[in-house]
Amino acid sequence: MATAALPPALSPEHLTDVLRRAGMLGDGHVSRLETESARDTLVSQIVRVRLVYDGASDGAPDRLFLKTARVGGPLEGVNLGRKEVEFYERVATAMPAGLVPRCFEAVCDPDPKTWHLLLEDLGESHVVVNEWPLPPTVEQCERIVETYARFHGFWWNHARLGASIGTWLDDGQLEASLREIPGQLARVADRLGDRFSSERRRLYERFIASAPRLLARYRTHRDLTVVSGDAHVWNLLYPREPDRRDIRLIDWSGWRIDTATDDLAYMMALHWYPERRRRLEQPLLDRYHAALVAHGVSGYDRAALAEDYRLSVLWQLTTPIWQADHHLPPLIWWSHLERIFLAIDDLGCRDLLD
C-alpha cells in the first residue's frame, strides 16, 4: 500500500500530534511512514506501519497499529467499531497497564461506520498464540485463563459497572434481544433444511421458552464483570519469550457486563472438541477460580462458578445461530453448532431448561 493510500489517521502530521498528546514525542516529528502490512478481518481493516522521525524521538514507538472500519464486510451494518472505541475510551483507561494494548487514539465519528483505533504494535514482543484452528498448549491455556481472571477480577462487582462502564439492560431491552432469536433460528433452519434436525430445533425452542427465566441470573447484578464477548484464544497476543506472562487481550467489539463464565464457555465449550474439553475444562476452571480469589474476588465459590459455567454454555446456543444469520462463513459457525451441542450434553445443560 502506498503512503498516498493511507487513511488520514496515518498522516505524519496527525501521528505527530497524537504522540505529542500522549507525552511520547518531544521536539521531533514523524516525517514519513512505511506500511509493513495491511489486511481485512471480518469487521475491520488493519494496517501496521513503521514510523520514521526527524529530530528527538526518544521513547516514541517504532511502529503503530491502525484498526478501522472494513467497507463491505459481512458485519458492516452491525456497528461493532463504536463498541470497541468505547472500550478503549472508557474501560481500558481505567484498568491497570499490561492487560490490553496501549491505545493512543480512539475515534468514532457521528457516522458509526467511520471509526479508528491507533494502538501500540506488539508484533516484536507478542504473537498470536497459534495458527487457527490449532488450540494452545496446556501451559498456554493455564496462562490465558489466569489472565482473564485478572481482567475479570478487576471489574468484579465494580461500582462503575452500569454507571460509567457499560449499561445495565432493562427488562424491555432484554426482551427485545430475546425476540430476535426465533427469527434468526427460523431463517437458519430454513437455509439448512434437513442438515438441521427436528430434535435440535426442539431444543432451541425449549431454550427460547426458558430464556426469560434464565435471565434471572443477570438480573441479580451480582458477581458480574466486564466480559469480552469474543474470547477465543486468537483474540489475544501471547508473549514470545517463555518467561514473560503479560498476555494482552484484544478485539473488544463485543464487550458487555455479564457473567465471567461467558468468556470461558466461549473459549472452551464453543471452540474445543470433546476429548480436549473433557480433559482440560475442569482443571482450567479450577485454575481460573484460584486466580480470581488471588485477585481479590470473595464470596464466589467454586460451586457458583460451575453453576454459572453450565448456564453460560447453554447461552452459547445463540452464537452459531447469530453468526449464520449474519452470513459469516460456515467455516466459522458450523463447527460451533456441532461442538456446543456436545458440550451441552456433557454438562447436563438440558436440565436447566426444566
Protein backbone atom coordinates (compact mmCIF):
# COMPACT_ATOMS: atom_id res chain seq x y z
CA MET A 1 0.00 0.00 0.00
CA ALA A 2 1.46 3.35 -1.00
CA THR A 3 1.69 6.18 1.50
CA ALA A 4 -0.82 8.22 -0.54
CA ALA A 5 -3.43 5.50 0.01
CA LEU A 6 -3.18 5.58 3.79
CA PRO A 7 -6.15 6.98 5.73
CA PRO A 8 -5.91 10.46 7.32
CA ALA A 9 -5.32 8.93 10.75
CA LEU A 10 -1.95 7.75 9.46
CA SER A 11 -0.70 11.06 8.12
CA PRO A 12 2.68 12.11 9.57
CA GLU A 13 1.16 15.35 10.86
CA HIS A 14 -1.68 13.61 12.66
CA LEU A 15 0.59 11.00 14.22
CA THR A 16 2.98 13.70 15.41
CA ASP A 17 0.10 15.41 17.19
CA VAL A 18 -1.20 12.14 18.68
CA LEU A 19 2.19 11.11 20.05
CA ARG A 20 2.86 14.55 21.50
CA ARG A 21 -0.50 14.47 23.30
CA ALA A 22 0.49 11.06 24.68
CA GLY A 23 3.73 12.53 26.02
CA MET A 24 5.87 10.28 23.83
CA LEU A 25 7.38 12.74 21.40
CA GLY A 26 9.43 15.80 22.22
CA ASP A 27 10.76 18.23 19.64
CA GLY A 28 10.89 15.66 16.87
CA HIS A 29 8.16 14.84 14.41
CA VAL A 30 7.02 11.95 12.24
CA SER A 31 8.50 12.56 8.82
CA ARG A 32 7.16 9.56 6.93
CA LEU A 33 5.58 6.12 7.27
CA GLU A 34 6.37 2.74 5.82
CA THR A 35 3.50 0.30 5.55
CA GLU A 36 4.53 -3.15 6.78
CA SER A 37 1.21 -4.95 6.24
CA ALA A 38 -2.47 -4.35 5.55
CA ARG A 39 -5.29 -6.86 5.77
CA ASP A 40 -9.02 -7.21 6.29
CA THR A 41 -10.77 -9.12 9.06
CA LEU A 42 -14.49 -9.86 9.23
CA VAL A 43 -15.07 -6.49 10.91
CA SER A 44 -12.13 -4.22 10.27
CA GLN A 45 -9.16 -3.20 8.21
CA ILE A 46 -5.79 -3.43 9.94
CA VAL A 47 -2.67 -1.54 8.85
CA ARG A 48 0.74 -1.85 10.51
CA VAL A 49 3.17 0.99 9.87
CA ARG A 50 6.75 1.80 10.78
CA LEU A 51 7.39 5.40 11.76
CA VAL A 52 10.40 7.43 10.66
CA TYR A 53 11.21 10.51 12.73
CA ASP A 54 13.14 13.74 12.30
CA GLY A 55 14.57 15.22 15.47
CA ALA A 56 14.44 13.90 19.03
CA SER A 57 12.11 10.93 19.32
CA ASP A 58 13.37 9.03 22.36
CA GLY A 59 10.56 6.90 23.75
CA ALA A 60 8.35 7.24 20.70
CA PRO A 61 7.13 3.95 19.18
CA ASP A 62 8.82 2.49 16.12
CA ARG A 63 5.56 1.01 14.89
CA LEU A 64 1.83 1.58 15.22
CA PHE A 65 -1.22 -0.49 14.50
CA LEU A 66 -4.30 1.12 12.92
CA LYS A 67 -7.67 -0.59 13.16
CA THR A 68 -10.52 0.94 11.21
CA ALA A 69 -13.81 0.02 9.55
CA ARG A 70 -13.88 -2.55 6.79
CA VAL A 71 -16.14 -1.50 3.95
CA GLY A 72 -18.29 -4.26 2.52
CA GLY A 73 -17.64 -6.95 5.12
CA PRO A 74 -20.36 -9.34 6.33
CA LEU A 75 -20.75 -7.42 9.62
CA GLU A 76 -20.58 -3.92 8.16
CA GLY A 77 -24.01 -2.93 9.47
CA VAL A 78 -23.63 -4.31 13.00
CA ASN A 79 -21.82 -1.22 14.34
CA LEU A 80 -19.12 -3.10 16.24
CA GLY A 81 -16.48 -0.41 15.79
CA ARG A 82 -18.26 2.05 18.07
CA LYS A 83 -18.25 -0.56 20.85
CA GLU A 84 -14.50 -1.09 20.59
CA VAL A 85 -13.82 2.64 20.55
CA GLU A 86 -15.94 2.94 23.70
CA PHE A 87 -13.93 0.15 25.33
CA TYR A 88 -10.61 1.90 24.77
CA GLU A 89 -12.02 5.29 25.78
CA ARG A 90 -13.76 4.19 28.98
CA VAL A 91 -12.75 0.71 30.09
CA ALA A 92 -9.08 0.41 29.12
CA THR A 93 -8.18 3.83 30.53
CA ALA A 94 -9.46 2.79 33.98
CA MET A 95 -7.54 -0.51 34.13
CA PRO A 96 -4.06 -1.50 35.26
CA ALA A 97 -1.49 -1.47 32.46
CA GLY A 98 -0.43 -4.68 30.76
CA LEU A 99 -3.78 -6.37 30.09
CA VAL A 100 -4.66 -4.77 26.75
CA PRO A 101 -2.58 -2.94 24.15
CA ARG A 102 -1.99 0.74 24.80
CA CYS A 103 -4.33 2.89 22.76
CA PHE A 104 -3.05 6.26 21.54
CA GLU A 105 -6.29 7.37 19.90
CA ALA A 106 -9.86 6.06 19.76
CA VAL A 107 -12.22 7.96 17.47
CA CYS A 108 -15.77 7.33 16.28
CA ASP A 109 -17.41 9.93 14.04
CA PRO A 110 -21.17 10.65 14.13
CA ASP A 111 -21.34 8.19 11.25
CA PRO A 112 -20.76 4.93 13.17
CA LYS A 113 -19.09 3.40 10.10
CA THR A 114 -16.25 5.90 10.45
CA TRP A 115 -14.02 4.98 13.35
CA HIS A 116 -10.43 4.09 14.09
CA LEU A 117 -8.07 2.97 16.81
CA LEU A 118 -4.37 3.75 16.95
CA LEU A 119 -2.75 1.05 19.08
CA GLU A 120 0.74 0.08 20.09
CA ASP A 121 2.16 -2.54 17.77
CA LEU A 122 3.24 -5.53 19.87
CA GLY A 123 4.50 -7.62 16.97
CA GLU A 124 8.08 -7.62 18.21
CA SER A 125 7.24 -8.92 21.68
CA HIS A 126 3.99 -10.86 21.19
CA VAL A 127 2.41 -13.22 18.70
CA VAL A 128 -0.96 -14.85 18.02
CA VAL A 129 -0.88 -17.95 20.21
CA ASN A 130 -1.27 -20.46 17.36
CA GLU A 131 -2.48 -20.64 13.81
CA TRP A 132 -6.28 -21.04 13.76
CA PRO A 133 -7.78 -23.56 14.46
CA LEU A 134 -4.88 -25.21 16.32
CA PRO A 135 -5.53 -24.82 20.08
CA PRO A 136 -2.90 -23.67 22.58
CA THR A 137 -0.84 -25.98 24.74
CA VAL A 138 -1.99 -26.76 28.27
CA GLU A 139 0.52 -24.31 29.76
CA GLN A 140 -0.65 -21.59 27.40
CA CYS A 141 -4.27 -22.28 28.34
CA GLU A 142 -3.40 -22.02 32.02
CA ARG A 143 -1.81 -18.63 31.49
CA ILE A 144 -4.75 -17.48 29.37
CA VAL A 145 -7.39 -18.29 31.99
CA GLU A 146 -5.24 -16.64 34.65
CA THR A 147 -5.11 -13.51 32.50
CA TYR A 148 -8.89 -13.49 32.12
CA ALA A 149 -9.20 -13.97 35.89
CA ARG A 150 -7.04 -10.90 36.42
CA PHE A 151 -9.14 -8.89 33.98
CA HIS A 152 -12.50 -10.15 35.28
CA GLY A 153 -11.32 -9.78 38.87
CA PHE A 154 -10.55 -6.10 38.40
CA TRP A 155 -14.10 -5.34 37.24
CA TRP A 156 -15.84 -7.84 39.54
CA ASN A 157 -18.85 -6.11 41.17
CA HIS A 158 -17.12 -2.80 40.40
CA ALA A 159 -19.03 0.31 41.47
CA ARG A 160 -18.71 1.77 37.96
CA LEU A 161 -20.49 -1.13 36.26
CA GLY A 162 -23.71 0.12 34.73
CA ALA A 163 -22.81 3.70 35.66
CA SER A 164 -19.79 4.92 33.69
CA ILE A 165 -18.75 1.47 32.45
CA GLY A 166 -21.35 -0.19 30.25
CA THR A 167 -25.08 -0.18 30.92
CA TRP A 168 -27.48 -2.49 32.68
CA LEU A 169 -30.04 -3.79 30.23
CA ASP A 170 -33.58 -3.24 31.49
CA ASP A 171 -36.42 -5.71 31.01
CA GLY A 172 -37.53 -4.07 27.78
CA GLN A 173 -34.06 -4.30 26.26
CA LEU A 174 -33.64 -7.90 27.40
CA GLU A 175 -37.00 -8.88 25.97
CA ALA A 176 -36.20 -7.12 22.67
CA SER A 177 -32.98 -9.10 22.34
CA LEU A 178 -34.81 -12.35 23.04
CA ARG A 179 -37.41 -11.55 20.39
CA GLU A 180 -34.68 -11.64 17.73
CA ILE A 181 -33.74 -15.27 18.40
CA PRO A 182 -36.84 -17.04 16.95
CA GLY A 183 -36.47 -15.20 13.65
CA GLN A 184 -32.76 -15.98 13.47
CA LEU A 185 -33.46 -19.63 14.23
CA ALA A 186 -36.19 -19.89 11.60
CA ARG A 187 -34.05 -18.33 8.88
CA VAL A 188 -31.03 -20.51 9.62
CA ALA A 189 -33.10 -23.69 9.94
CA ASP A 190 -34.80 -22.95 6.62
CA ARG A 191 -31.42 -22.49 4.93
CA LEU A 192 -30.05 -25.71 6.38
CA GLY A 193 -33.09 -27.87 5.68
CA ASP A 194 -32.51 -31.47 6.76
CA ARG A 195 -29.00 -30.58 7.92
CA PHE A 196 -30.69 -29.06 10.97
CA SER A 197 -32.55 -31.85 12.71
CA SER A 198 -36.01 -31.54 14.24
CA GLU A 199 -34.53 -32.66 17.58
CA ARG A 200 -32.10 -29.75 17.57
CA ARG A 201 -34.84 -27.34 16.61
CA ARG A 202 -36.93 -28.59 19.54
CA LEU A 203 -34.03 -27.94 21.92
CA TYR A 204 -33.74 -24.39 20.59
CA GLU A 205 -37.47 -23.92 21.08
CA ARG A 206 -37.19 -25.16 24.68
CA PHE A 207 -34.29 -22.76 25.20
CA ILE A 208 -36.25 -19.82 23.75
CA ALA A 209 -39.21 -20.63 26.01
CA SER A 210 -36.90 -20.78 29.07
CA ALA A 211 -34.73 -17.76 28.20
CA PRO A 212 -36.77 -15.15 30.15
CA ARG A 213 -36.36 -17.29 33.28
CA LEU A 214 -32.67 -17.93 32.59
CA LEU A 215 -32.06 -14.17 32.57
CA ALA A 216 -32.77 -14.12 36.30
CA ARG A 217 -29.03 -14.67 36.89
CA TYR A 218 -28.19 -11.47 35.01
CA ARG A 219 -30.96 -9.51 36.74
CA THR A 220 -29.33 -10.09 40.14
CA HIS A 221 -26.49 -7.73 39.10
CA ARG A 222 -24.31 -9.73 41.49
CA ASP A 223 -20.93 -11.28 40.75
CA LEU A 224 -20.83 -9.77 37.29
CA THR A 225 -17.94 -8.16 35.45
CA VAL A 226 -16.83 -6.86 32.08
CA VAL A 227 -16.58 -9.67 29.54
CA SER A 228 -15.01 -9.77 26.11
CA GLY A 229 -17.92 -11.50 24.39
CA ASP A 230 -15.47 -12.88 21.79
CA ALA A 231 -12.93 -14.64 23.99
CA HIS A 232 -11.49 -17.23 21.65
CA VAL A 233 -7.78 -17.81 22.05
CA TRP A 234 -6.85 -15.99 18.83
CA ASN A 235 -8.18 -12.76 20.32
CA LEU A 236 -5.10 -12.32 22.44
CA LEU A 237 -1.39 -11.74 21.95
CA TYR A 238 0.94 -14.18 23.66
CA PRO A 239 4.49 -13.18 24.71
CA ARG A 240 7.26 -14.56 22.52
CA GLU A 241 9.60 -15.02 25.49
CA PRO A 242 8.64 -18.08 27.56
CA ASP A 243 9.29 -16.40 30.92
CA ARG A 244 7.02 -13.43 30.23
CA ARG A 245 3.41 -13.67 31.39
CA ASP A 246 1.98 -10.43 30.03
CA ILE A 247 -0.69 -11.73 27.69
CA ARG A 248 -2.60 -8.88 26.04
CA LEU A 249 -6.31 -9.29 25.35
CA ILE A 250 -7.52 -7.80 22.07
CA ASP A 251 -10.67 -7.28 19.95
CA TRP A 252 -13.25 -5.68 22.20
CA SER A 253 -16.12 -5.02 19.81
CA GLY A 254 -18.43 -7.37 21.72
CA TRP A 255 -17.71 -6.34 25.32
CA ARG A 256 -20.53 -6.04 27.85
CA ILE A 257 -21.39 -6.55 31.53
CA ASP A 258 -22.20 -10.19 32.21
CA THR A 259 -21.10 -13.36 33.98
CA ALA A 260 -17.38 -14.03 33.65
CA THR A 261 -18.07 -17.62 32.62
CA ASP A 262 -19.48 -16.37 29.32
CA ASP A 263 -15.88 -15.81 28.21
CA LEU A 264 -14.76 -19.22 29.48
CA ALA A 265 -17.63 -21.03 27.76
CA TYR A 266 -16.89 -19.17 24.54
CA MET A 267 -13.23 -20.15 24.75
CA MET A 268 -13.69 -23.83 25.63
CA ALA A 269 -17.21 -25.18 25.04
CA LEU A 270 -17.75 -23.39 21.74
CA HIS A 271 -14.28 -23.92 20.27
CA TRP A 272 -12.97 -27.24 21.61
CA TYR A 273 -13.86 -30.75 20.55
CA PRO A 274 -14.99 -33.17 23.29
CA GLU A 275 -11.74 -35.01 24.02
CA ARG A 276 -9.79 -31.84 24.70
CA ARG A 277 -12.62 -30.11 26.52
CA ARG A 278 -13.34 -33.09 28.79
CA ARG A 279 -9.65 -33.38 29.64
CA LEU A 280 -8.93 -29.70 30.33
CA GLU A 281 -12.21 -27.97 31.14
CA GLN A 282 -12.49 -28.67 34.88
CA PRO A 283 -8.76 -28.23 35.69
CA LEU A 284 -8.81 -24.88 33.88
CA LEU A 285 -11.94 -23.80 35.75
CA ASP A 286 -10.14 -24.75 38.99
CA ARG A 287 -7.14 -22.66 38.00
CA TYR A 288 -9.35 -19.75 36.92
CA HIS A 289 -11.21 -19.75 40.23
CA ALA A 290 -7.98 -19.83 42.22
CA ALA A 291 -6.71 -16.87 40.21
CA LEU A 292 -9.98 -14.97 40.78
CA VAL A 293 -9.56 -15.41 44.53
CA ALA A 294 -5.92 -14.35 44.29
CA HIS A 295 -7.06 -11.14 42.57
CA GLY A 296 -9.43 -10.24 45.38
CA VAL A 297 -12.76 -11.85 44.45
CA SER A 298 -14.56 -13.17 47.51
CA GLY A 299 -17.96 -14.67 48.24
CA TYR A 300 -17.99 -16.59 44.95
CA ASP A 301 -17.11 -20.23 45.50
CA ARG A 302 -16.13 -22.94 43.03
CA ALA A 303 -19.68 -24.36 43.02
CA ALA A 304 -21.05 -20.96 41.96
CA LEU A 305 -18.51 -20.86 39.13
CA ALA A 306 -19.59 -24.34 37.98
CA GLU A 307 -23.26 -23.31 38.02
CA ASP A 308 -22.55 -20.14 36.05
CA TYR A 309 -20.40 -22.03 33.57
CA ARG A 310 -23.18 -24.51 32.74
CA LEU A 311 -25.59 -21.62 32.20
CA SER A 312 -23.06 -19.81 30.00
CA VAL A 313 -22.57 -22.95 27.90
CA LEU A 314 -26.33 -23.12 27.37
CA TRP A 315 -26.47 -19.47 26.28
CA GLN A 316 -23.78 -20.24 23.69
CA LEU A 317 -26.55 -21.89 21.68
CA THR A 318 -27.27 -18.41 20.39
CA THR A 319 -23.77 -17.82 18.99
CA PRO A 320 -23.71 -20.04 15.87
CA ILE A 321 -27.29 -19.05 15.01
CA TRP A 322 -26.39 -15.35 15.21
CA GLN A 323 -23.26 -15.92 13.16
CA ALA A 324 -25.10 -17.90 10.49
CA ASP A 325 -27.92 -15.36 10.32
CA HIS A 326 -25.35 -12.58 9.79
CA HIS A 327 -23.83 -14.57 6.92
CA LEU A 328 -20.47 -15.35 8.45
CA PRO A 329 -18.80 -18.20 6.56
CA PRO A 330 -19.98 -21.72 7.54
CA LEU A 331 -16.30 -22.48 8.18
CA ILE A 332 -16.76 -20.42 11.36
CA TRP A 333 -20.21 -21.30 12.68
CA TRP A 334 -20.92 -24.87 11.56
CA SER A 335 -18.36 -26.43 13.88
CA HIS A 336 -19.52 -24.14 16.69
CA LEU A 337 -23.02 -25.53 16.27
CA GLU A 338 -21.79 -29.12 16.48
CA ARG A 339 -19.46 -28.53 19.43
CA ILE A 340 -21.92 -26.59 21.57
CA PHE A 341 -24.48 -29.39 21.37
CA LEU A 342 -21.84 -31.86 22.52
CA ALA A 343 -20.85 -29.61 25.43
CA ILE A 344 -24.48 -29.14 26.46
CA ASP A 345 -24.95 -32.90 26.62
CA ASP A 346 -21.68 -33.50 28.50
CA LEU A 347 -22.51 -30.89 31.16
CA GLY A 348 -26.18 -31.76 31.57
CA CYS A 349 -27.24 -28.29 30.48
CA ARG A 350 -30.63 -29.53 29.25
CA ASP A 351 -31.55 -29.90 32.92
CA LEU A 352 -31.51 -26.11 33.19
CA LEU A 353 -34.47 -25.97 30.82
CA ASP A 354 -36.79 -27.99 33.09
